[in-house]
Amino acid sequence: MFEFIYLLRILAAILITNSHYEAVYPVSVIANGGLLGDVIFFAVSGYCLYPVNHTFPKWYGRRLKRIYPVVWLITLIYCLIGFYQANSVKGFVKLFLYPTYYHFVASIILLYIVFFLVSKLLQKQPTCFDRNFTLVLTALAVSYAIIYVTVYDRSYYHIDTVREPMIEFLYFFAMMIGLWFRNYKDRFLGKNKAWPWVVALALFCGYFASKIAFSRGMVSSGLQFVNQVLLLLLLVCLFRGFIGLEEKLGRMPQKLHRAVVYVAGFAFEIYLVQYALIPRLNIGPFPLNFLLVSGAILVSAWLLHLLHDWIMGKIDGLFKKSKGLD
């Protein structure tokens, strides 16, 4: 695994968690950055999954195995505790199969299919990567524009709402950004530059300024697509900045490296546990409530990670034994 990917996973988990702290902070505007964290996660997925070297059933099965068991586990735990409820067959399907309680899961299991098809297309003609990649992005952009102009409700600002279909375009663009960086990784790995960080800072300010401007009606909601354009440009600069740190990150002290790798290993679990914990453990004044909530999320995610690995290890062991592979 690439060193910078570990840091990006942790950064994404921090941003997403932070965005849910509206009632935790004394000033709710600090609780922001969730959508940025989301696109970082999707870009990391695009980077790590390209190229695709298996048939679709095998490849997709591995993706589902990585996501669903831990989602089922935390959903079951929260149902037993009483945090979630599934009082009907329909409710059970929604919680455990689709869309689940987590919008990330609902999006990624669908986008995996499109990602596989696009990846195979790009891999089929490696010498035509740039041309085919441009065609894919153009098709995405045209589809986005047609839906935005003809179907999307532009009468109010809601383009960053994560449970609306329009967000899938943003997520898939993020996956394509990660895929592109993976294809050209040798151009950027360890080649640290100052400009991506400078531009990223300017885009970061511009992106959040645009959110404020649109949400307060200072700019016409018909132009809210600009918000996503700025976010994707910010993502490109952040990815370029982090990938350039690869060589320096490889020289970090071993203890620090192991800690980063370990925490990055349960970044997904951090995302899964937080929704139910934050409102229930937001107790006391700031910063005590912040420490309590954040500590509970980390510990719960870590325990979920350990429990999931233990259960999957037992299941794999039984499977191997039944097949006579032990």
C-alpha atoms as a PDB file:
ATOM      1  CA  MET A   1       0.000   0.000   0.000  1.00  0.00           C
ATOM      2  CA  PHE A   2       1.162   3.550  -0.714  1.00  0.00           C
ATOM      3  CA  GLU A   3       2.049   5.616   2.350  1.00  0.00           C
ATOM      4  CA  PHE A   4       0.097   8.698   1.291  1.00  0.00           C
ATOM      5  CA  ILE A   5      -3.066   6.614   0.895  1.00  0.00           C
ATOM      6  CA  TYR A   6      -3.035   5.826   4.617  1.00  0.00           C
ATOM      7  CA  LEU A   7      -2.953   9.533   5.424  1.00  0.00           C
ATOM      8  CA  LEU A   8      -5.735  10.322   2.967  1.00  0.00           C
ATOM      9  CA  ARG A   9      -7.953   7.656   4.539  1.00  0.00           C
ATOM     10  CA  ILE A  10      -7.391   9.129   7.987  1.00  0.00           C
ATOM     11  CA  LEU A  11      -7.983  12.669   6.706  1.00  0.00           C
ATOM     12  CA  ALA A  12     -11.247  11.572   5.059  1.00  0.00           C
ATOM     13  CA  ALA A  13     -12.428   9.911   8.282  1.00  0.00           C
ATOM     14  CA  ILE A  14     -11.584  13.050  10.288  1.00  0.00           C
ATOM     15  CA  LEU A  15     -13.391  15.367   7.875  1.00  0.00           C
ATOM     16  CA  ILE A  16     -16.523  13.221   7.737  1.00  0.00           C
ATOM     17  CA  THR A  17     -16.626  12.844  11.512  1.00  0.00           C
ATOM     18  CA  ASN A  18     -16.018  16.550  12.029  1.00  0.00           C
ATOM     19  CA  SER A  19     -18.950  17.424   9.772  1.00  0.00           C
ATOM     20  CA  HIS A  20     -21.324  15.651  12.180  1.00  0.00           C
ATOM     21  CA  TYR A  21     -20.228  17.686  15.216  1.00  0.00           C
ATOM     22  CA  GLU A  22     -22.689  20.564  14.783  1.00  0.00           C
ATOM     23  CA  ALA A  23     -24.076  20.105  18.293  1.00  0.00           C
ATOM     24  CA  VAL A  24     -20.666  19.315  19.756  1.00  0.00           C
ATOM     25  CA  TYR A  25     -18.876  22.539  18.859  1.00  0.00           C
ATOM     26  CA  PRO A  26     -19.836  25.861  20.451  1.00  0.00           C
ATOM     27  CA  VAL A  27     -19.942  27.280  16.900  1.00  0.00           C
ATOM     28  CA  SER A  28     -21.655  24.892  14.482  1.00  0.00           C
ATOM     29  CA  VAL A  29     -19.938  26.290  11.365  1.00  0.00           C
ATOM     30  CA  ILE A  30     -16.758  24.487  12.476  1.00  0.00           C
ATOM     31  CA  ALA A  31     -18.555  21.193  11.789  1.00  0.00           C
ATOM     32  CA  ASN A  32     -17.826  21.072   8.093  1.00  0.00           C
ATOM     33  CA  GLY A  33     -15.841  19.201   5.451  1.00  0.00           C
ATOM     34  CA  GLY A  34     -17.939  16.045   5.199  1.00  0.00           C
ATOM     35  CA  LEU A  35     -18.355  16.130   1.436  1.00  0.00           C
ATOM     36  CA  LEU A  36     -14.642  16.739   0.994  1.00  0.00           C
ATOM     37  CA  GLY A  37     -14.019  13.670   3.135  1.00  0.00           C
ATOM     38  CA  ASP A  38     -16.443  11.682   0.982  1.00  0.00           C
ATOM     39  CA  VAL A  39     -14.738  12.553  -2.303  1.00  0.00           C
ATOM     40  CA  ILE A  40     -11.336  11.755  -0.793  1.00  0.00           C
ATOM     41  CA  PHE A  41     -12.635   8.292   0.126  1.00  0.00           C
ATOM     42  CA  PHE A  42     -13.949   7.749  -3.414  1.00  0.00           C
ATOM     43  CA  ALA A  43     -10.734   9.018  -4.994  1.00  0.00           C
ATOM     44  CA  VAL A  44      -8.725   6.672  -2.782  1.00  0.00           C
ATOM     45  CA  SER A  45     -10.970   3.816  -3.930  1.00  0.00           C
ATOM     46  CA  GLY A  46     -10.362   4.716  -7.563  1.00  0.00           C
ATOM     47  CA  TYR A  47      -6.623   4.858  -6.980  1.00  0.00           C
ATOM     48  CA  CYS A  48      -6.409   1.552  -5.111  1.00  0.00           C
ATOM     49  CA  LEU A  49      -8.732  -0.447  -7.368  1.00  0.00           C
ATOM     50  CA  TYR A  50      -7.146   0.405 -10.716  1.00  0.00           C
ATOM     51  CA  PRO A  51      -6.194  -1.580 -12.736  1.00  0.00           C
ATOM     52  CA  VAL A  52      -8.848  -4.307 -12.533  1.00  0.00           C
ATOM     53  CA  ASN A  53      -7.316  -7.756 -12.983  1.00  0.00           C
ATOM     54  CA  HIS A  54     -10.225 -10.138 -12.362  1.00  0.00           C
ATOM     55  CA  THR A  55     -13.551 -11.089 -13.876  1.00  0.00           C
ATOM     56  CA  PHE A  56     -16.488  -9.032 -12.710  1.00  0.00           C
ATOM     57  CA  PRO A  57     -18.075 -11.676 -10.400  1.00  0.00           C
ATOM     58  CA  LYS A  58     -14.793 -12.270  -8.563  1.00  0.00           C
ATOM     59  CA  TRP A  59     -13.831  -8.607  -8.418  1.00  0.00           C
ATOM     60  CA  TYR A  60     -17.269  -7.375  -7.350  1.00  0.00           C
ATOM     61  CA  GLY A  61     -17.620 -10.190  -4.847  1.00  0.00           C
ATOM     62  CA  ARG A  62     -14.411  -9.067  -3.160  1.00  0.00           C
ATOM     63  CA  ARG A  63     -15.689  -5.509  -2.968  1.00  0.00           C
ATOM     64  CA  LEU A  64     -18.964  -6.619  -1.394  1.00  0.00           C
ATOM     65  CA  LYS A  65     -17.093  -8.864   1.051  1.00  0.00           C
ATOM     66  CA  ARG A  66     -15.034  -5.886   2.178  1.00  0.00           C
ATOM     67  CA  ILE A  67     -18.098  -3.707   2.762  1.00  0.00           C
ATOM     68  CA  TYR A  68     -21.150  -5.718   3.703  1.00  0.00           C
ATOM     69  CA  PRO A  69     -19.994  -7.970   6.590  1.00  0.00           C
ATOM     70  CA  VAL A  70     -18.837  -5.052   8.732  1.00  0.00           C
ATOM     71  CA  VAL A  71     -21.970  -3.055   7.781  1.00  0.00           C
ATOM     72  CA  TRP A  72     -24.147  -6.023   8.778  1.00  0.00           C
ATOM     73  CA  LEU A  73     -22.233  -6.381  12.034  1.00  0.00           C
ATOM     74  CA  ILE A  74     -22.578  -2.767  13.182  1.00  0.00           C
ATOM     75  CA  THR A  75     -26.194  -2.615  11.982  1.00  0.00           C
ATOM     76  CA  LEU A  76     -27.024  -5.757  13.946  1.00  0.00           C
ATOM     77  CA  ILE A  77     -25.303  -4.404  17.061  1.00  0.00           C
ATOM     78  CA  TYR A  78     -27.136  -1.090  16.811  1.00  0.00           C
ATOM     79  CA  CYS A  79     -30.444  -2.902  16.231  1.00  0.00           C
ATOM     80  CA  LEU A  80     -29.885  -5.019  19.355  1.00  0.00           C
ATOM     81  CA  ILE A  81     -29.029  -1.923  21.380  1.00  0.00           C
ATOM     82  CA  GLY A  82     -32.090  -0.137  20.015  1.00  0.00           C
ATOM     83  CA  PHE A  83     -30.336   2.560  17.993  1.00  0.00           C
ATOM     84  CA  TYR A  84     -31.727   1.225  14.693  1.00  0.00           C
ATOM     85  CA  GLN A  85     -35.044  -0.487  14.082  1.00  0.00           C
ATOM     86  CA  ALA A  86     -36.224  -2.896  11.382  1.00  0.00           C
ATOM     87  CA  ASN A  87     -39.877  -3.664  12.094  1.00  0.00           C
ATOM     88  CA  SER A  88     -40.756  -5.169   8.709  1.00  0.00           C
ATOM     89  CA  VAL A  89     -39.257  -7.093   5.832  1.00  0.00           C
ATOM     90  CA  LYS A  90     -38.946  -3.854   3.899  1.00  0.00           C
ATOM     91  CA  GLY A  91     -37.244  -2.199   6.847  1.00  0.00           C
ATOM     92  CA  PHE A  92     -34.858  -5.135   7.162  1.00  0.00           C
ATOM     93  CA  VAL A  93     -33.950  -4.956   3.469  1.00  0.00           C
ATOM     94  CA  LYS A  94     -33.339  -1.219   3.711  1.00  0.00           C
ATOM     95  CA  LEU A  95     -31.078  -1.579   6.734  1.00  0.00           C
ATOM     96  CA  PHE A  96     -29.105  -4.663   5.783  1.00  0.00           C
ATOM     97  CA  LEU A  97     -29.100  -4.782   1.975  1.00  0.00           C
ATOM     98  CA  TYR A  98     -29.894  -1.521   0.245  1.00  0.00           C
ATOM     99  CA  PRO A  99     -29.523   1.356   0.728  1.00  0.00           C
ATOM    100  CA  THR A 100     -28.452   0.564   4.357  1.00  0.00           C
ATOM    101  CA  TYR A 101     -28.153   3.342   6.925  1.00  0.00           C
ATOM    102  CA  TYR A 102     -25.008   4.627   5.217  1.00  0.00           C
ATOM    103  CA  HIS A 103     -25.147   6.701   2.042  1.00  0.00           C
ATOM    104  CA  PHE A 104     -21.518   5.820   1.268  1.00  0.00           C
ATOM    105  CA  VAL A 105     -22.441   2.146   0.996  1.00  0.00           C
ATOM    106  CA  ALA A 106     -25.490   2.850  -1.175  1.00  0.00           C
ATOM    107  CA  SER A 107     -23.316   4.838  -3.577  1.00  0.00           C
ATOM    108  CA  ILE A 108     -20.171   2.728  -3.726  1.00  0.00           C
ATOM    109  CA  ILE A 109     -21.820  -0.621  -4.447  1.00  0.00           C
ATOM    110  CA  LEU A 110     -23.463   0.903  -7.518  1.00  0.00           C
ATOM    111  CA  LEU A 111     -20.472   2.926  -8.657  1.00  0.00           C
ATOM    112  CA  TYR A 112     -18.239  -0.138  -8.394  1.00  0.00           C
ATOM    113  CA  ILE A 113     -20.132  -1.563 -11.383  1.00  0.00           C
ATOM    114  CA  VAL A 114     -19.560   1.523 -13.520  1.00  0.00           C
ATOM    115  CA  PHE A 115     -15.955   1.733 -12.333  1.00  0.00           C
ATOM    116  CA  PHE A 116     -15.312  -1.858 -13.417  1.00  0.00           C
ATOM    117  CA  LEU A 117     -16.684  -1.208 -16.912  1.00  0.00           C
ATOM    118  CA  VAL A 118     -14.723   2.024 -17.335  1.00  0.00           C
ATOM    119  CA  SER A 119     -11.531   0.432 -16.016  1.00  0.00           C
ATOM    120  CA  LYS A 120     -11.808  -2.466 -18.450  1.00  0.00           C
ATOM    121  CA  LEU A 121     -12.372   0.001 -21.286  1.00  0.00           C
ATOM    122  CA  LEU A 122      -9.273   1.990 -20.353  1.00  0.00           C
ATOM    123  CA  GLN A 123      -7.156  -1.139 -19.883  1.00  0.00           C
ATOM    124  CA  LYS A 124      -8.219  -2.593 -23.222  1.00  0.00           C
ATOM    125  CA  GLN A 125      -6.217   0.049 -25.110  1.00  0.00           C
ATOM    126  CA  PRO A 126      -3.415   1.271 -22.815  1.00  0.00           C
ATOM    127  CA  THR A 127      -1.849   3.361 -25.581  1.00  0.00           C
ATOM    128  CA  CYS A 128      -5.132   5.238 -25.991  1.00  0.00           C
ATOM    129  CA  PHE A 129      -5.616   5.904 -22.281  1.00  0.00           C
ATOM    130  CA  ASP A 130      -5.662   9.690 -22.580  1.00  0.00           C
ATOM    131  CA  ARG A 131      -8.140   9.667 -25.436  1.00  0.00           C
ATOM    132  CA  ASN A 132     -10.484   7.150 -23.829  1.00  0.00           C
ATOM    133  CA  PHE A 133     -10.225   8.786 -20.406  1.00  0.00           C
ATOM    134  CA  THR A 134     -11.140  12.134 -21.964  1.00  0.00           C
ATOM    135  CA  LEU A 135     -14.111  10.520 -23.701  1.00  0.00           C
ATOM    136  CA  VAL A 136     -15.317   9.020 -20.412  1.00  0.00           C
ATOM    137  CA  LEU A 137     -15.030  12.352 -18.593  1.00  0.00           C
ATOM    138  CA  THR A 138     -16.762  14.138 -21.461  1.00  0.00           C
ATOM    139  CA  ALA A 139     -19.646  11.655 -21.382  1.00  0.00           C
ATOM    140  CA  LEU A 140     -19.941  12.123 -17.621  1.00  0.00           C
ATOM    141  CA  ALA A 141     -19.856  15.906 -17.906  1.00  0.00           C
ATOM    142  CA  VAL A 142     -22.460  15.970 -20.700  1.00  0.00           C
ATOM    143  CA  SER A 143     -24.757  13.614 -18.751  1.00  0.00           C
ATOM    144  CA  TYR A 144     -24.317  15.767 -15.666  1.00  0.00           C
ATOM    145  CA  ALA A 145     -25.109  18.944 -17.594  1.00  0.00           C
ATOM    146  CA  ILE A 146     -28.220  17.481 -19.244  1.00  0.00           C
ATOM    147  CA  ILE A 147     -29.642  16.271 -15.908  1.00  0.00           C
ATOM    148  CA  TYR A 148     -28.682  19.507 -14.178  1.00  0.00           C
ATOM    149  CA  VAL A 149     -30.437  21.658 -16.785  1.00  0.00           C
ATOM    150  CA  THR A 150     -33.502  19.504 -17.468  1.00  0.00           C
ATOM    151  CA  VAL A 151     -34.322  17.591 -14.280  1.00  0.00           C
ATOM    152  CA  TYR A 152     -32.436  18.984 -11.326  1.00  0.00           C
ATOM    153  CA  ASP A 153     -34.316  21.423  -9.106  1.00  0.00           C
ATOM    154  CA  ARG A 154     -32.111  24.543  -9.147  1.00  0.00           C
ATOM    155  CA  SER A 155     -34.603  26.704  -7.255  1.00  0.00           C
ATOM    156  CA  TYR A 156     -32.703  26.209  -3.988  1.00  0.00           C
ATOM    157  CA  TYR A 157     -29.232  25.138  -2.861  1.00  0.00           C
ATOM    158  CA  HIS A 158     -28.987  21.403  -2.177  1.00  0.00           C
ATOM    159  CA  ILE A 159     -26.289  20.063  -4.483  1.00  0.00           C
ATOM    160  CA  ASP A 160     -24.195  18.855  -1.553  1.00  0.00           C
ATOM    161  CA  THR A 161     -27.024  16.710  -0.149  1.00  0.00           C
ATOM    162  CA  VAL A 162     -25.495  13.246  -0.011  1.00  0.00           C
ATOM    163  CA  ARG A 163     -28.704  11.231  -0.385  1.00  0.00           C
ATOM    164  CA  GLU A 164     -29.740  12.742  -3.702  1.00  0.00           C
ATOM    165  CA  PRO A 165     -28.933  11.004  -7.027  1.00  0.00           C
ATOM    166  CA  MET A 166     -26.952  14.002  -8.316  1.00  0.00           C
ATOM    167  CA  ILE A 167     -24.210  13.266  -5.793  1.00  0.00           C
ATOM    168  CA  GLU A 168     -23.322  10.062  -7.660  1.00  0.00           C
ATOM    169  CA  PHE A 169     -21.764  12.093 -10.459  1.00  0.00           C
ATOM    170  CA  LEU A 170     -19.530  13.878  -7.975  1.00  0.00           C
ATOM    171  CA  TYR A 171     -18.454  10.602  -6.383  1.00  0.00           C
ATOM    172  CA  PHE A 172     -17.682   8.961  -9.699  1.00  0.00           C
ATOM    173  CA  PHE A 173     -15.688  11.975 -10.884  1.00  0.00           C
ATOM    174  CA  ALA A 174     -13.685  11.540  -7.665  1.00  0.00           C
ATOM    175  CA  MET A 175     -13.077   7.865  -8.462  1.00  0.00           C
ATOM    176  CA  MET A 176     -11.867   8.868 -11.937  1.00  0.00           C
ATOM    177  CA  ILE A 177      -9.440  11.351 -10.405  1.00  0.00           C
ATOM    178  CA  GLY A 178      -7.989   8.576  -8.255  1.00  0.00           C
ATOM    179  CA  LEU A 179      -7.832   6.239 -11.276  1.00  0.00           C
ATOM    180  CA  TRP A 180      -5.981   8.873 -13.331  1.00  0.00           C
ATOM    181  CA  PHE A 181      -3.393   9.428 -10.614  1.00  0.00           C
ATOM    182  CA  ARG A 182      -2.855   5.672 -10.331  1.00  0.00           C
ATOM    183  CA  ASN A 183      -2.241   5.345 -14.062  1.00  0.00           C
ATOM    184  CA  TYR A 184       0.317   8.144 -13.973  1.00  0.00           C
ATOM    185  CA  LYS A 185       1.642   7.497 -10.473  1.00  0.00           C
ATOM    186  CA  ASP A 186       5.278   7.402 -11.619  1.00  0.00           C
ATOM    187  CA  ARG A 187       5.010  11.044 -12.652  1.00  0.00           C
ATOM    188  CA  PHE A 188       4.058  12.154  -9.158  1.00  0.00           C
ATOM    189  CA  LEU A 189       5.157   9.668  -6.464  1.00  0.00           C
ATOM    190  CA  GLY A 190       7.707  11.334  -4.210  1.00  0.00           C
ATOM    191  CA  LYS A 191       7.881  14.460  -6.374  1.00  0.00           C
ATOM    192  CA  ASN A 192       6.898  17.053  -3.835  1.00  0.00           C
ATOM    193  CA  LYS A 193       5.854  20.484  -5.068  1.00  0.00           C
ATOM    194  CA  ALA A 194       4.677  23.580  -3.245  1.00  0.00           C
ATOM    195  CA  TRP A 195       2.089  24.727  -5.779  1.00  0.00           C
ATOM    196  CA  PRO A 196      -0.556  22.030  -5.076  1.00  0.00           C
ATOM    197  CA  TRP A 197      -0.701  23.066  -1.432  1.00  0.00           C
ATOM    198  CA  VAL A 198      -0.925  26.775  -2.250  1.00  0.00           C
ATOM    199  CA  VAL A 199      -3.656  26.225  -4.828  1.00  0.00           C
ATOM    200  CA  ALA A 200      -5.443  23.759  -2.520  1.00  0.00           C
ATOM    201  CA  LEU A 201      -5.553  26.395   0.228  1.00  0.00           C
ATOM    202  CA  ALA A 202      -7.047  28.953  -2.164  1.00  0.00           C
ATOM    203  CA  LEU A 203      -9.589  26.415  -3.439  1.00  0.00           C
ATOM    204  CA  PHE A 204     -10.411  25.333   0.107  1.00  0.00           C
ATOM    205  CA  CYS A 205     -11.289  28.925   0.995  1.00  0.00           C
ATOM    206  CA  GLY A 206     -13.180  29.371  -2.265  1.00  0.00           C
ATOM    207  CA  TYR A 207     -15.125  26.161  -1.811  1.00  0.00           C
ATOM    208  CA  PHE A 208     -16.350  26.974   1.684  1.00  0.00           C
ATOM    209  CA  ALA A 209     -17.019  30.572   0.712  1.00  0.00           C
ATOM    210  CA  SER A 210     -19.211  29.263  -2.101  1.00  0.00           C
ATOM    211  CA  LYS A 211     -21.128  27.040   0.323  1.00  0.00           C
ATOM    212  CA  ILE A 212     -21.848  30.043   2.523  1.00  0.00           C
ATOM    213  CA  ALA A 213     -22.756  32.222  -0.448  1.00  0.00           C
ATOM    214  CA  PHE A 214     -25.171  29.674  -1.921  1.00  0.00           C
ATOM    215  CA  SER A 215     -26.748  28.643   1.377  1.00  0.00           C
ATOM    216  CA  ARG A 216     -27.423  32.291   2.297  1.00  0.00           C
ATOM    217  CA  GLY A 217     -28.796  33.214  -1.113  1.00  0.00           C
ATOM    218  CA  MET A 218     -25.928  35.558  -1.918  1.00  0.00           C
ATOM    219  CA  VAL A 219     -25.422  33.791  -5.267  1.00  0.00           C
ATOM    220  CA  SER A 220     -28.111  32.419  -7.572  1.00  0.00           C
ATOM    221  CA  SER A 221     -28.856  28.774  -6.792  1.00  0.00           C
ATOM    222  CA  GLY A 222     -28.873  28.135 -10.519  1.00  0.00           C
ATOM    223  CA  LEU A 223     -25.070  28.265 -10.371  1.00  0.00           C
ATOM    224  CA  GLN A 224     -24.668  25.808  -7.507  1.00  0.00           C
ATOM    225  CA  PHE A 225     -22.800  23.354  -9.757  1.00  0.00           C
ATOM    226  CA  VAL A 226     -19.803  25.669  -9.241  1.00  0.00           C
ATOM    227  CA  ASN A 227     -19.638  24.295  -5.701  1.00  0.00           C
ATOM    228  CA  GLN A 228     -18.888  20.794  -6.993  1.00  0.00           C
ATOM    229  CA  VAL A 229     -16.435  22.040  -9.611  1.00  0.00           C
ATOM    230  CA  LEU A 230     -14.427  23.793  -6.892  1.00  0.00           C
ATOM    231  CA  LEU A 231     -14.564  20.677  -4.733  1.00  0.00           C
ATOM    232  CA  LEU A 232     -13.186  18.455  -7.503  1.00  0.00           C
ATOM    233  CA  LEU A 233     -10.401  20.928  -8.265  1.00  0.00           C
ATOM    234  CA  LEU A 234      -9.566  20.957  -4.557  1.00  0.00           C
ATOM    235  CA  LEU A 235      -9.479  17.165  -4.587  1.00  0.00           C
ATOM    236  CA  VAL A 236      -7.033  17.142  -7.517  1.00  0.00           C
ATOM    237  CA  CYS A 237      -4.679  19.517  -5.707  1.00  0.00           C
ATOM    238  CA  LEU A 238      -4.871  17.590  -2.438  1.00  0.00           C
ATOM    239  CA  PHE A 239      -4.190  14.301  -4.208  1.00  0.00           C
ATOM    240  CA  ARG A 240      -1.260  15.848  -6.060  1.00  0.00           C
ATOM    241  CA  GLY A 241       0.106  17.250  -2.830  1.00  0.00           C
ATOM    242  CA  PHE A 242      -0.180  14.007  -0.864  1.00  0.00           C
ATOM    243  CA  ILE A 243       1.188  11.750  -3.602  1.00  0.00           C
ATOM    244  CA  GLY A 244       4.226  13.998  -3.794  1.00  0.00           C
ATOM    245  CA  LEU A 245       4.945  13.297  -0.116  1.00  0.00           C
ATOM    246  CA  GLU A 246       5.305   9.544  -0.698  1.00  0.00           C
ATOM    247  CA  GLU A 247       9.098   9.507  -0.419  1.00  0.00           C
ATOM    248  CA  LYS A 248       9.150  11.587   2.765  1.00  0.00           C
ATOM    249  CA  LEU A 249       6.372   9.536   4.323  1.00  0.00           C
ATOM    250  CA  GLY A 250       8.399   6.399   3.674  1.00  0.00           C
ATOM    251  CA  ARG A 251      11.050   7.776   6.015  1.00  0.00           C
ATOM    252  CA  MET A 252       8.746   8.362   8.973  1.00  0.00           C
ATOM    253  CA  PRO A 253       9.676   6.599  12.248  1.00  0.00           C
ATOM    254  CA  GLN A 254       8.521   2.982  12.360  1.00  0.00           C
ATOM    255  CA  LYS A 255       6.334   3.454  15.435  1.00  0.00           C
ATOM    256  CA  LEU A 256       4.549   6.386  13.839  1.00  0.00           C
ATOM    257  CA  HIS A 257       4.212   4.479  10.577  1.00  0.00           C
ATOM    258  CA  ARG A 258       2.640   1.488  12.308  1.00  0.00           C
ATOM    259  CA  ALA A 259       0.212   3.753  14.145  1.00  0.00           C
ATOM    260  CA  VAL A 260      -0.844   5.504  10.920  1.00  0.00           C
ATOM    261  CA  VAL A 261      -1.310   2.205   9.089  1.00  0.00           C
ATOM    262  CA  TYR A 262      -3.287   0.738  11.967  1.00  0.00           C
ATOM    263  CA  VAL A 263      -5.685   3.685  12.308  1.00  0.00           C
ATOM    264  CA  ALA A 264      -6.136   3.869   8.518  1.00  0.00           C
ATOM    265  CA  GLY A 265      -7.081   0.189   8.643  1.00  0.00           C
ATOM    266  CA  PHE A 266     -10.302   0.978  10.523  1.00  0.00           C
ATOM    267  CA  ALA A 267     -11.141   4.324   8.885  1.00  0.00           C
ATOM    268  CA  PHE A 268     -14.264   2.756   7.368  1.00  0.00           C
ATOM    269  CA  GLU A 269     -15.354   1.553  10.799  1.00  0.00           C
ATOM    270  CA  ILE A 270     -14.962   5.111  12.132  1.00  0.00           C
ATOM    271  CA  TYR A 271     -17.463   6.191   9.489  1.00  0.00           C
ATOM    272  CA  LEU A 272     -19.870   3.385  10.420  1.00  0.00           C
ATOM    273  CA  VAL A 273     -20.038   3.838  14.192  1.00  0.00           C
ATOM    274  CA  GLN A 274     -20.284   7.599  14.508  1.00  0.00           C
ATOM    275  CA  TYR A 275     -23.866   8.379  13.437  1.00  0.00           C
ATOM    276  CA  ALA A 276     -25.481   6.708  16.444  1.00  0.00           C
ATOM    277  CA  LEU A 277     -22.831   7.705  18.970  1.00  0.00           C
ATOM    278  CA  ILE A 278     -22.482  11.448  18.426  1.00  0.00           C
ATOM    279  CA  PRO A 279     -26.002  12.556  19.491  1.00  0.00           C
ATOM    280  CA  ARG A 280     -26.104  10.083  22.394  1.00  0.00           C
ATOM    281  CA  LEU A 281     -22.692  10.922  23.878  1.00  0.00           C
ATOM    282  CA  ASN A 282     -22.700  14.663  23.328  1.00  0.00           C
ATOM    283  CA  ILE A 283     -22.668  15.282  27.084  1.00  0.00           C
ATOM    284  CA  GLY A 284     -21.230  18.211  29.012  1.00  0.00           C
ATOM    285  CA  PRO A 285     -19.578  21.461  27.921  1.00  0.00           C
ATOM    286  CA  PHE A 286     -17.022  21.843  25.161  1.00  0.00           C
ATOM    287  CA  PRO A 287     -14.284  20.527  24.972  1.00  0.00           C
ATOM    288  CA  LEU A 288     -15.217  17.690  27.367  1.00  0.00           C
ATOM    289  CA  ASN A 289     -18.068  16.594  25.106  1.00  0.00           C
ATOM    290  CA  PHE A 290     -15.680  16.642  22.133  1.00  0.00           C
ATOM    291  CA  LEU A 291     -13.197  14.395  23.930  1.00  0.00           C
ATOM    292  CA  LEU A 292     -15.935  12.022  25.069  1.00  0.00           C
ATOM    293  CA  VAL A 293     -17.540  11.694  21.631  1.00  0.00           C
ATOM    294  CA  SER A 294     -14.245  11.435  19.737  1.00  0.00           C
ATOM    295  CA  GLY A 295     -12.819   8.906  22.175  1.00  0.00           C
ATOM    296  CA  ALA A 296     -15.961   6.787  22.023  1.00  0.00           C
ATOM    297  CA  ILE A 297     -15.904   6.805  18.212  1.00  0.00           C
ATOM    298  CA  LEU A 298     -12.252   5.713  18.066  1.00  0.00           C
ATOM    299  CA  VAL A 299     -12.661   2.966  20.648  1.00  0.00           C
ATOM    300  CA  SER A 300     -15.916   1.706  19.140  1.00  0.00           C
ATOM    301  CA  ALA A 301     -14.460   1.680  15.628  1.00  0.00           C
ATOM    302  CA  TRP A 302     -11.392  -0.183  16.863  1.00  0.00           C
ATOM    303  CA  LEU A 303     -13.507  -2.785  18.677  1.00  0.00           C
ATOM    304  CA  LEU A 304     -15.745  -3.192  15.635  1.00  0.00           C
ATOM    305  CA  HIS A 305     -12.650  -3.705  13.496  1.00  0.00           C
ATOM    306  CA  LEU A 306     -11.302  -6.377  15.853  1.00  0.00           C
ATOM    307  CA  LEU A 307     -14.664  -8.146  16.117  1.00  0.00           C
ATOM    308  CA  HIS A 308     -15.154  -8.116  12.356  1.00  0.00           C
ATOM    309  CA  ASP A 309     -11.676  -9.536  11.726  1.00  0.00           C
ATOM    310  CA  TRP A 310     -12.201 -12.242  14.356  1.00  0.00           C
ATOM    311  CA  ILE A 311     -15.561 -13.308  12.920  1.00  0.00           C
ATOM    312  CA  MET A 312     -14.291 -13.287   9.335  1.00  0.00           C
ATOM    313  CA  GLY A 313     -11.254 -15.271  10.420  1.00  0.00           C
ATOM    314  CA  LYS A 314     -13.495 -17.898  12.001  1.00  0.00           C
ATOM    315  CA  ILE A 315     -15.704 -18.058   8.908  1.00  0.00           C
ATOM    316  CA  ASP A 316     -12.701 -18.396   6.591  1.00  0.00           C
ATOM    317  CA  GLY A 317     -11.301 -21.112   8.855  1.00  0.00           C
ATOM    318  CA  LEU A 318     -14.541 -23.095   8.746  1.00  0.00           C
ATOM    319  CA  PHE A 319     -14.732 -22.675   4.985  1.00  0.00           C
ATOM    320  CA  LYS A 320     -11.204 -23.950   4.487  1.00  0.00           C
ATOM    321  CA  LYS A 321     -11.846 -26.858   6.831  1.00  0.00           C
ATOM    322  CA  SER A 322     -15.023 -27.826   4.970  1.00  0.00           C
ATOM    323  CA  LYS A 323     -13.079 -27.756   1.693  1.00  0.00           C
ATOM    324  CA  GLY A 324     -10.243 -29.797   3.164  1.00  0.00           C
ATOM    325  CA  LEU A 325      -7.769 -26.954   2.779  1.00  0.00           C
ATOM    326  CA  ASP A 326      -6.624 -26.928   6.388  1.00  0.00           C
END
